[in-house]
Each structure stands twice: as structure tokens, then as C-alpha cells.
């Protein structure tokens, strides 16, 4: 019986929640420059960089692979108050293994006592439905997101 799989990746980052969210939300076009080892290209196909319903073509390489994958993503939902964005895969390599595949990124600022360090918590949630029972869990995709999220944090810290 094929089931829906849900995975989460959580990272403590040094960047502010606002700057991190804005990079994921309205500056998605920077991701291939920020994380060139795994994110190879991002193109806007429809809409703009900030609208629900906008469509992007993403070319990437999963960790441990050399094969470039192309997936077409749609921004399914955004919530500026919660600093979250949800993408749904419409077409591409990932749908050879999963009937549906969506992921969300949510950034939450940390509360620190006066004089304490800042930072945020980033949570990526992957939700997919496998085409067959023998399809592996999306662990490589979770590893990909972890690399990209760490690279975004490093970029924001170095370009304050």
C-alpha cells in the first residue's frame, strides 16, 4: 500500500528570520549563485518572484549524484506573518518516483535575553506520495534542502 511520506529538516541559523524568508520568497533567483554545488539554475516561467501561482523551473543535483534534474515548481502558498512558503512540483524528474511532491520552508526568529545572540530556526517539510512501495523516502531531497539552507545562511551572514 502506497502512503504519504512526510519528512522535516530543522536547522538553527544565524541569519534573521526576515532576511532568510525574503531570500526564499522574493529572491529565489539567487539560489543557484548561493549554492552552486547543488542548485544549478532557477528560471521564472510564469508570474513573478513574489506571487502565489508563479512557476519556476529548477535545475539541481542531489547530493552524491552527478545527474542534473529539472523540476517545475509552483508557489502554492505564502504566509508573511508566519514566514512560510510552500512549493508544489508540477512536472519533472521527482514525479517519476512520487505521485505528488510538495515542500515548505518556514523561518522562526529566536527570542534571546538582552545581549544574547540572534538567529532563527528554519524548518523544511517535505510531503510526498510514492508511486510504488519500493520507492525510497525522499532522504536525498532532505539532504539537498539542508545544503541549500546552510548556504543561504552563510551567504546572508557574509553579505550583511
N, C-alpha and C. Protein backbone atom coordinates (compact mmCIF):
# COMPACT_ATOMS: atom_id res chain seq x y z
N UNK A 1 0.83 -1.18 0.00
CA UNK A 1 0.00 0.00 0.00
C UNK A 1 0.88 1.25 0.00
N UNK A 2 0.71 2.09 -0.99
CA UNK A 2 1.49 3.32 -1.11
C UNK A 2 0.92 4.35 -0.14
N UNK A 3 1.83 5.05 0.54
CA UNK A 3 1.38 6.01 1.54
C UNK A 3 2.06 7.36 1.34
N UNK A 4 1.54 8.33 2.05
CA UNK A 4 2.13 9.67 2.03
C UNK A 4 3.26 9.70 3.04
N UNK A 5 4.39 10.21 2.61
CA UNK A 5 5.57 10.33 3.46
C UNK A 5 5.76 11.80 3.80
N UNK A 6 6.09 12.06 5.05
CA UNK A 6 6.35 13.42 5.49
C UNK A 6 7.69 13.44 6.23
N UNK A 7 8.58 14.34 5.81
CA UNK A 7 9.90 14.47 6.45
C UNK A 7 10.13 15.93 6.79
N UNK A 8 10.88 16.15 7.86
CA UNK A 8 11.21 17.52 8.26
C UNK A 8 12.70 17.65 8.48
N UNK A 9 13.22 18.80 8.08
CA UNK A 9 14.61 19.17 8.34
C UNK A 9 14.56 20.47 9.13
N UNK A 10 15.19 20.50 10.29
CA UNK A 10 15.25 21.72 11.10
C UNK A 10 16.70 22.13 11.27
N UNK A 11 16.95 23.42 11.11
CA UNK A 11 18.30 23.96 11.26
C UNK A 11 18.29 25.23 12.09
N UNK A 12 19.23 25.33 12.99
CA UNK A 12 19.48 26.60 13.66
C UNK A 12 20.38 27.41 12.74
N UNK A 13 19.99 28.65 12.48
CA UNK A 13 20.79 29.51 11.62
C UNK A 13 21.12 30.80 12.35
N UNK A 14 22.08 31.53 11.84
CA UNK A 14 22.50 32.79 12.46
C UNK A 14 21.77 33.99 11.86
N UNK A 15 21.20 33.84 10.68
CA UNK A 15 20.52 34.93 9.99
C UNK A 15 19.20 35.28 10.66
N UNK A 16 18.74 36.51 10.39
CA UNK A 16 17.42 36.90 10.89
C UNK A 16 16.35 36.17 10.10
N UNK A 17 15.24 35.92 10.75
CA UNK A 17 14.13 35.24 10.09
C UNK A 17 13.64 36.05 8.89
N UNK A 18 13.57 37.36 9.03
CA UNK A 18 13.07 38.23 7.96
C UNK A 18 13.95 38.14 6.71
N UNK A 19 15.26 38.29 6.88
CA UNK A 19 16.17 38.25 5.72
C UNK A 19 16.17 36.87 5.07
N UNK A 20 16.14 35.83 5.88
CA UNK A 20 16.15 34.47 5.34
C UNK A 20 14.87 34.21 4.55
N UNK A 21 13.73 34.58 5.13
CA UNK A 21 12.46 34.39 4.45
C UNK A 21 12.42 35.17 3.14
N UNK A 22 12.86 36.41 3.15
CA UNK A 22 12.84 37.23 1.93
C UNK A 22 13.70 36.61 0.84
N UNK A 23 14.81 35.99 1.20
CA UNK A 23 15.65 35.34 0.20
C UNK A 23 14.91 34.16 -0.42
N UNK A 24 14.24 33.36 0.39
CA UNK A 24 13.48 32.22 -0.12
C UNK A 24 12.23 32.65 -0.87
N UNK A 25 11.64 33.76 -0.47
CA UNK A 25 10.37 34.21 -1.01
C UNK A 25 10.52 35.03 -2.28
N UNK A 26 11.28 36.10 -2.21
CA UNK A 26 11.33 37.02 -3.35
C UNK A 26 12.68 37.05 -4.07
N UNK A 27 13.65 36.31 -3.57
CA UNK A 27 14.97 36.30 -4.20
C UNK A 27 15.40 34.87 -4.53
N UNK A 28 14.44 34.05 -4.87
CA UNK A 28 14.70 32.64 -5.21
C UNK A 28 15.70 32.54 -6.37
N UNK A 29 15.73 33.55 -7.22
CA UNK A 29 16.64 33.56 -8.37
C UNK A 29 18.12 33.57 -7.95
N UNK A 30 18.41 33.86 -6.69
CA UNK A 30 19.79 33.86 -6.20
C UNK A 30 20.29 32.49 -5.78
N UNK A 31 19.40 31.54 -5.62
CA UNK A 31 19.77 30.26 -5.02
C UNK A 31 20.89 29.56 -5.78
N UNK A 32 20.88 29.58 -7.11
CA UNK A 32 21.95 28.90 -7.85
C UNK A 32 23.29 29.60 -7.69
N UNK A 33 23.29 30.89 -7.36
CA UNK A 33 24.56 31.60 -7.09
C UNK A 33 25.02 31.35 -5.66
N UNK A 34 24.07 31.19 -4.76
CA UNK A 34 24.37 30.98 -3.34
C UNK A 34 24.82 29.55 -3.08
N UNK A 35 24.23 28.59 -3.77
CA UNK A 35 24.50 27.18 -3.54
C UNK A 35 24.82 26.46 -4.87
N UNK A 36 25.90 26.87 -5.55
CA UNK A 36 26.16 26.37 -6.91
C UNK A 36 26.51 24.88 -7.00
N UNK A 37 26.92 24.27 -5.90
CA UNK A 37 27.26 22.84 -5.96
C UNK A 37 26.05 21.96 -6.21
N UNK A 38 24.88 22.39 -5.74
CA UNK A 38 23.68 21.56 -5.90
C UNK A 38 22.56 22.26 -6.68
N UNK A 39 22.43 23.56 -6.55
CA UNK A 39 21.40 24.32 -7.28
C UNK A 39 22.05 24.90 -8.53
N UNK A 40 21.67 24.40 -9.68
CA UNK A 40 22.35 24.77 -10.92
C UNK A 40 21.69 25.92 -11.66
N UNK A 41 20.37 26.03 -11.61
CA UNK A 41 19.69 27.12 -12.32
C UNK A 41 18.27 27.25 -11.80
N UNK A 42 17.77 28.48 -11.78
CA UNK A 42 16.38 28.76 -11.44
C UNK A 42 15.87 29.79 -12.45
N UNK A 43 14.79 29.45 -13.13
CA UNK A 43 14.21 30.35 -14.13
C UNK A 43 12.74 30.58 -13.80
N UNK A 44 12.31 31.81 -13.96
CA UNK A 44 10.91 32.15 -13.78
C UNK A 44 10.17 31.87 -15.08
N UNK A 45 9.16 31.01 -15.03
CA UNK A 45 8.39 30.66 -16.23
C UNK A 45 7.07 31.42 -16.33
N UNK A 46 6.48 31.74 -15.18
CA UNK A 46 5.19 32.41 -15.17
C UNK A 46 5.06 33.23 -13.89
N UNK A 47 4.49 34.41 -13.99
CA UNK A 47 4.28 35.24 -12.81
C UNK A 47 5.51 36.04 -12.46
N UNK A 48 5.70 36.25 -11.17
CA UNK A 48 6.87 36.97 -10.70
C UNK A 48 7.48 36.22 -9.52
N UNK A 49 8.52 36.76 -8.94
CA UNK A 49 9.24 36.06 -7.87
C UNK A 49 8.49 36.09 -6.54
N UNK A 50 7.36 36.83 -6.47
CA UNK A 50 6.71 37.00 -5.17
C UNK A 50 5.25 36.55 -5.12
N UNK A 51 4.72 35.98 -6.17
CA UNK A 51 3.28 35.70 -6.21
C UNK A 51 2.94 34.22 -6.10
N UNK A 52 1.88 33.95 -5.34
CA UNK A 52 1.30 32.61 -5.33
C UNK A 52 0.86 32.31 -6.76
N UNK A 53 1.13 31.11 -7.22
CA UNK A 53 0.80 30.72 -8.58
C UNK A 53 1.95 30.89 -9.56
N UNK A 54 3.00 31.60 -9.14
CA UNK A 54 4.14 31.75 -10.04
C UNK A 54 4.83 30.40 -10.21
N UNK A 55 5.43 30.23 -11.38
CA UNK A 55 6.02 28.94 -11.73
C UNK A 55 7.49 29.13 -12.06
N UNK A 56 8.32 28.22 -11.54
CA UNK A 56 9.77 28.27 -11.71
C UNK A 56 10.28 26.92 -12.20
N UNK A 57 11.28 26.97 -13.04
CA UNK A 57 11.99 25.77 -13.47
C UNK A 57 13.30 25.71 -12.71
N UNK A 58 13.49 24.64 -11.96
CA UNK A 58 14.69 24.50 -11.14
C UNK A 58 15.52 23.32 -11.65
N UNK A 59 16.80 23.58 -11.85
CA UNK A 59 17.76 22.54 -12.24
C UNK A 59 18.69 22.35 -11.07
N UNK A 60 18.88 21.10 -10.64
CA UNK A 60 19.67 20.83 -9.44
C UNK A 60 20.30 19.46 -9.52
N UNK A 61 21.23 19.21 -8.62
CA UNK A 61 21.89 17.91 -8.49
C UNK A 61 21.73 17.47 -7.04
N UNK A 62 21.20 16.28 -6.84
CA UNK A 62 21.06 15.76 -5.48
C UNK A 62 22.43 15.36 -4.94
N UNK A 63 22.65 15.48 -3.63
CA UNK A 63 23.92 15.09 -3.02
C UNK A 63 24.30 13.66 -3.39
N UNK A 64 25.56 13.48 -3.78
CA UNK A 64 26.06 12.15 -4.14
C UNK A 64 25.78 11.74 -5.56
N UNK A 65 25.12 12.58 -6.33
CA UNK A 65 24.80 12.28 -7.73
C UNK A 65 25.47 13.30 -8.65
N UNK A 66 25.59 12.96 -9.91
CA UNK A 66 26.08 13.93 -10.89
C UNK A 66 25.01 14.25 -11.92
N UNK A 67 23.89 13.54 -11.84
CA UNK A 67 22.78 13.70 -12.78
C UNK A 67 21.99 14.97 -12.46
N UNK A 68 21.86 15.85 -13.45
CA UNK A 68 21.06 17.06 -13.27
C UNK A 68 19.58 16.74 -13.41
N UNK A 69 18.80 17.24 -12.48
CA UNK A 69 17.36 17.06 -12.50
C UNK A 69 16.69 18.39 -12.77
N UNK A 70 15.58 18.35 -13.47
CA UNK A 70 14.77 19.54 -13.73
C UNK A 70 13.38 19.30 -13.18
N UNK A 71 12.90 20.23 -12.39
CA UNK A 71 11.54 20.17 -11.88
C UNK A 71 10.88 21.53 -12.04
N UNK A 72 9.61 21.51 -12.39
CA UNK A 72 8.83 22.73 -12.48
C UNK A 72 8.04 22.87 -11.19
N UNK A 73 8.24 24.00 -10.49
CA UNK A 73 7.61 24.24 -9.20
C UNK A 73 6.63 25.39 -9.29
N UNK A 74 5.56 25.28 -8.54
CA UNK A 74 4.61 26.39 -8.40
C UNK A 74 4.59 26.83 -6.95
N UNK A 75 4.57 28.14 -6.74
CA UNK A 75 4.39 28.65 -5.39
C UNK A 75 2.92 28.42 -5.04
N UNK A 76 2.68 27.52 -4.10
CA UNK A 76 1.32 27.13 -3.74
C UNK A 76 0.72 28.05 -2.67
N UNK A 77 1.57 28.48 -1.73
CA UNK A 77 1.06 29.33 -0.64
C UNK A 77 2.23 30.10 -0.02
N UNK A 78 1.90 31.27 0.50
CA UNK A 78 2.86 32.04 1.29
C UNK A 78 2.13 32.62 2.49
N UNK A 79 2.88 32.86 3.55
CA UNK A 79 2.33 33.50 4.73
C UNK A 79 3.43 34.37 5.32
N UNK A 80 3.33 35.67 5.07
CA UNK A 80 4.38 36.58 5.53
C UNK A 80 4.45 36.65 7.05
N UNK A 81 3.30 36.56 7.73
CA UNK A 81 3.30 36.61 9.20
C UNK A 81 4.02 35.40 9.78
N UNK A 82 3.79 34.23 9.20
CA UNK A 82 4.43 33.00 9.68
C UNK A 82 5.77 32.76 9.00
N UNK A 83 6.11 33.61 8.03
CA UNK A 83 7.35 33.48 7.25
C UNK A 83 7.48 32.07 6.67
N UNK A 84 6.44 31.68 5.93
CA UNK A 84 6.46 30.36 5.31
C UNK A 84 6.08 30.46 3.84
N UNK A 85 6.61 29.54 3.07
CA UNK A 85 6.32 29.45 1.65
C UNK A 85 6.23 27.97 1.30
N UNK A 86 5.24 27.62 0.48
CA UNK A 86 5.03 26.23 0.09
C UNK A 86 5.10 26.12 -1.43
N UNK A 87 5.87 25.15 -1.89
CA UNK A 87 6.04 24.87 -3.31
C UNK A 87 5.44 23.50 -3.62
N UNK A 88 4.86 23.39 -4.81
CA UNK A 88 4.33 22.12 -5.29
C UNK A 88 5.03 21.80 -6.61
N UNK A 89 5.52 20.57 -6.76
CA UNK A 89 6.15 20.16 -8.01
C UNK A 89 5.05 19.83 -9.01
N UNK A 90 5.12 20.48 -10.17
CA UNK A 90 4.13 20.27 -11.22
C UNK A 90 4.58 19.25 -12.25
N UNK A 91 5.90 19.21 -12.48
CA UNK A 91 6.44 18.37 -13.54
C UNK A 91 7.93 18.16 -13.28
N UNK A 92 8.46 17.05 -13.78
CA UNK A 92 9.90 16.86 -13.69
C UNK A 92 10.31 15.49 -13.18
N UNK A 93 11.60 15.39 -12.93
CA UNK A 93 12.23 14.13 -12.53
C UNK A 93 11.62 13.53 -11.26
N UNK A 94 11.36 14.38 -10.27
CA UNK A 94 10.87 13.87 -8.98
C UNK A 94 9.54 13.13 -9.15
N UNK A 95 8.75 13.52 -10.15
CA UNK A 95 7.45 12.88 -10.34
C UNK A 95 7.55 11.53 -11.05
N UNK A 96 8.77 11.10 -11.37
CA UNK A 96 8.98 9.73 -11.86
C UNK A 96 8.89 8.74 -10.70
N UNK A 97 9.06 9.25 -9.47
CA UNK A 97 9.10 8.39 -8.29
C UNK A 97 7.95 8.67 -7.32
N UNK A 98 7.44 9.89 -7.37
CA UNK A 98 6.41 10.31 -6.42
C UNK A 98 5.19 10.83 -7.19
N UNK A 99 4.02 10.39 -6.77
CA UNK A 99 2.78 10.83 -7.41
C UNK A 99 2.56 12.32 -7.16
N UNK A 100 2.91 12.77 -5.98
CA UNK A 100 2.85 14.19 -5.64
C UNK A 100 4.05 14.51 -4.76
N UNK A 101 4.48 15.77 -4.84
CA UNK A 101 5.65 16.19 -4.06
C UNK A 101 5.51 17.68 -3.79
N UNK A 102 5.50 18.03 -2.52
CA UNK A 102 5.49 19.44 -2.15
C UNK A 102 6.41 19.64 -0.96
N UNK A 103 6.89 20.86 -0.84
CA UNK A 103 7.75 21.18 0.30
C UNK A 103 7.49 22.61 0.73
N UNK A 104 7.73 22.85 2.00
CA UNK A 104 7.55 24.19 2.54
C UNK A 104 8.77 24.56 3.37
N UNK A 105 8.99 25.86 3.44
CA UNK A 105 10.07 26.41 4.26
C UNK A 105 9.43 27.41 5.21
N UNK A 106 9.72 27.28 6.50
CA UNK A 106 9.22 28.22 7.49
C UNK A 106 10.38 28.67 8.36
N UNK A 107 10.46 29.98 8.59
CA UNK A 107 11.54 30.55 9.39
C UNK A 107 10.94 31.24 10.61
N UNK A 108 11.49 30.92 11.77
CA UNK A 108 11.02 31.49 13.02
C UNK A 108 12.20 32.13 13.74
N UNK A 109 12.06 33.40 14.11
CA UNK A 109 13.11 34.08 14.86
C UNK A 109 13.18 33.54 16.27
N UNK A 110 14.38 33.53 16.81
CA UNK A 110 14.57 33.07 18.19
C UNK A 110 14.49 34.27 19.12
N UNK A 111 13.93 34.06 20.28
CA UNK A 111 13.88 35.09 21.31
C UNK A 111 15.04 34.86 22.26
N UNK A 112 15.84 35.88 22.45
CA UNK A 112 17.01 35.79 23.31
C UNK A 112 16.93 36.86 24.38
N UNK A 113 17.53 36.60 25.52
CA UNK A 113 17.60 37.64 26.54
C UNK A 113 18.43 38.81 26.03
N UNK A 114 18.27 39.96 26.63
CA UNK A 114 19.02 41.15 26.22
C UNK A 114 20.50 40.83 26.15
N UNK A 115 21.12 41.22 25.07
CA UNK A 115 22.55 40.99 24.90
C UNK A 115 22.89 39.63 24.32
N UNK A 116 21.90 38.76 24.14
CA UNK A 116 22.16 37.43 23.60
C UNK A 116 22.30 37.45 22.09
N UNK A 117 22.76 36.35 21.55
CA UNK A 117 22.93 36.23 20.10
C UNK A 117 21.57 36.08 19.43
N UNK A 118 21.48 36.48 18.18
CA UNK A 118 20.24 36.35 17.41
C UNK A 118 20.16 35.01 16.74
N UNK A 119 19.47 34.99 15.65
CA UNK A 119 19.37 33.76 14.89
C UNK A 119 17.93 33.33 14.72
N UNK A 120 17.77 32.23 14.02
CA UNK A 120 16.44 31.75 13.68
C UNK A 120 16.46 30.23 13.58
N UNK A 121 15.27 29.69 13.46
CA UNK A 121 15.09 28.27 13.21
C UNK A 121 14.40 28.15 11.86
N UNK A 122 14.98 27.33 10.97
CA UNK A 122 14.39 27.08 9.66
C UNK A 122 13.91 25.64 9.65
N UNK A 123 12.66 25.47 9.22
CA UNK A 123 12.11 24.13 9.12
C UNK A 123 11.62 23.92 7.69
N UNK A 124 12.12 22.88 7.06
CA UNK A 124 11.62 22.47 5.75
C UNK A 124 10.84 21.19 5.93
N UNK A 125 9.64 21.16 5.39
CA UNK A 125 8.79 19.99 5.45
C UNK A 125 8.57 19.47 4.03
N UNK A 126 8.86 18.21 3.83
CA UNK A 126 8.63 17.55 2.54
C UNK A 126 7.45 16.61 2.72
N UNK A 127 6.49 16.70 1.82
CA UNK A 127 5.35 15.79 1.85
C UNK A 127 5.18 15.22 0.45
N UNK A 128 5.21 13.90 0.35
CA UNK A 128 5.10 13.28 -0.97
C UNK A 128 4.34 11.96 -0.88
N UNK A 129 3.83 11.55 -2.02
CA UNK A 129 3.17 10.26 -2.13
C UNK A 129 3.95 9.43 -3.14
N UNK A 130 4.45 8.30 -2.70
CA UNK A 130 5.25 7.44 -3.56
C UNK A 130 4.38 6.79 -4.64
N UNK A 131 4.97 6.58 -5.81
CA UNK A 131 4.26 5.86 -6.87
C UNK A 131 4.18 4.37 -6.57
N UNK A 132 5.25 3.84 -5.91
CA UNK A 132 5.32 2.42 -5.56
C UNK A 132 5.86 2.30 -4.15
N UNK A 133 5.57 1.18 -3.53
CA UNK A 133 6.05 0.95 -2.16
C UNK A 133 7.56 0.88 -2.07
N UNK A 134 8.24 0.45 -3.13
CA UNK A 134 9.69 0.28 -3.06
C UNK A 134 10.47 1.57 -3.36
N UNK A 135 9.79 2.68 -3.61
CA UNK A 135 10.45 3.97 -3.82
C UNK A 135 11.00 4.42 -2.47
N UNK A 136 12.26 4.85 -2.43
CA UNK A 136 12.83 5.27 -1.15
C UNK A 136 12.20 6.55 -0.62
N UNK A 137 12.29 6.74 0.69
CA UNK A 137 11.88 8.01 1.28
C UNK A 137 12.73 9.12 0.66
N UNK A 138 12.24 10.34 0.66
CA UNK A 138 12.96 11.43 -0.01
C UNK A 138 14.15 11.98 0.78
N UNK A 139 14.99 11.09 1.28
CA UNK A 139 16.13 11.48 2.10
C UNK A 139 17.11 12.36 1.32
N UNK A 140 17.38 12.03 0.06
CA UNK A 140 18.31 12.83 -0.76
C UNK A 140 17.78 14.25 -0.96
N UNK A 141 16.46 14.39 -1.05
CA UNK A 141 15.88 15.72 -1.18
C UNK A 141 16.02 16.50 0.12
N UNK A 142 15.85 15.82 1.25
CA UNK A 142 16.05 16.47 2.55
C UNK A 142 17.51 16.92 2.69
N UNK A 143 18.45 16.10 2.25
CA UNK A 143 19.87 16.47 2.28
C UNK A 143 20.13 17.67 1.37
N UNK A 144 19.50 17.68 0.20
CA UNK A 144 19.62 18.81 -0.72
C UNK A 144 19.16 20.10 -0.05
N UNK A 145 17.97 20.07 0.57
CA UNK A 145 17.45 21.26 1.24
C UNK A 145 18.36 21.72 2.37
N UNK A 146 18.91 20.78 3.11
CA UNK A 146 19.81 21.14 4.20
C UNK A 146 21.03 21.88 3.67
N UNK A 147 21.62 21.40 2.58
CA UNK A 147 22.77 22.08 1.97
C UNK A 147 22.39 23.49 1.53
N UNK A 148 21.27 23.62 0.83
CA UNK A 148 20.85 24.93 0.32
C UNK A 148 20.57 25.89 1.47
N UNK A 149 19.88 25.43 2.50
CA UNK A 149 19.55 26.29 3.63
C UNK A 149 20.81 26.77 4.36
N UNK A 150 21.77 25.90 4.54
CA UNK A 150 23.03 26.29 5.18
C UNK A 150 23.78 27.30 4.31
N UNK A 151 23.76 27.08 2.99
CA UNK A 151 24.43 28.00 2.08
C UNK A 151 23.76 29.38 2.09
N UNK A 152 22.43 29.42 2.16
CA UNK A 152 21.73 30.70 2.23
C UNK A 152 22.12 31.43 3.51
N UNK A 153 22.17 30.72 4.63
CA UNK A 153 22.56 31.34 5.89
C UNK A 153 23.97 31.91 5.80
N UNK A 154 24.90 31.14 5.26
CA UNK A 154 26.29 31.61 5.11
C UNK A 154 26.33 32.85 4.23
N UNK A 155 25.61 32.84 3.14
CA UNK A 155 25.56 33.98 2.23
C UNK A 155 25.04 35.23 2.96
N UNK A 156 23.96 35.07 3.70
CA UNK A 156 23.37 36.22 4.39
C UNK A 156 24.30 36.76 5.48
N UNK A 157 24.99 35.87 6.18
CA UNK A 157 25.94 36.30 7.22
C UNK A 157 27.10 37.07 6.58
N UNK A 158 27.60 36.57 5.46
CA UNK A 158 28.75 37.20 4.79
C UNK A 158 28.39 38.45 4.01
N UNK A 159 27.10 38.68 3.76
CA UNK A 159 26.65 39.84 2.99
C UNK A 159 25.64 40.65 3.79
N UNK A 160 25.96 40.87 5.04
CA UNK A 160 25.05 41.57 5.96
C UNK A 160 24.79 43.01 5.54
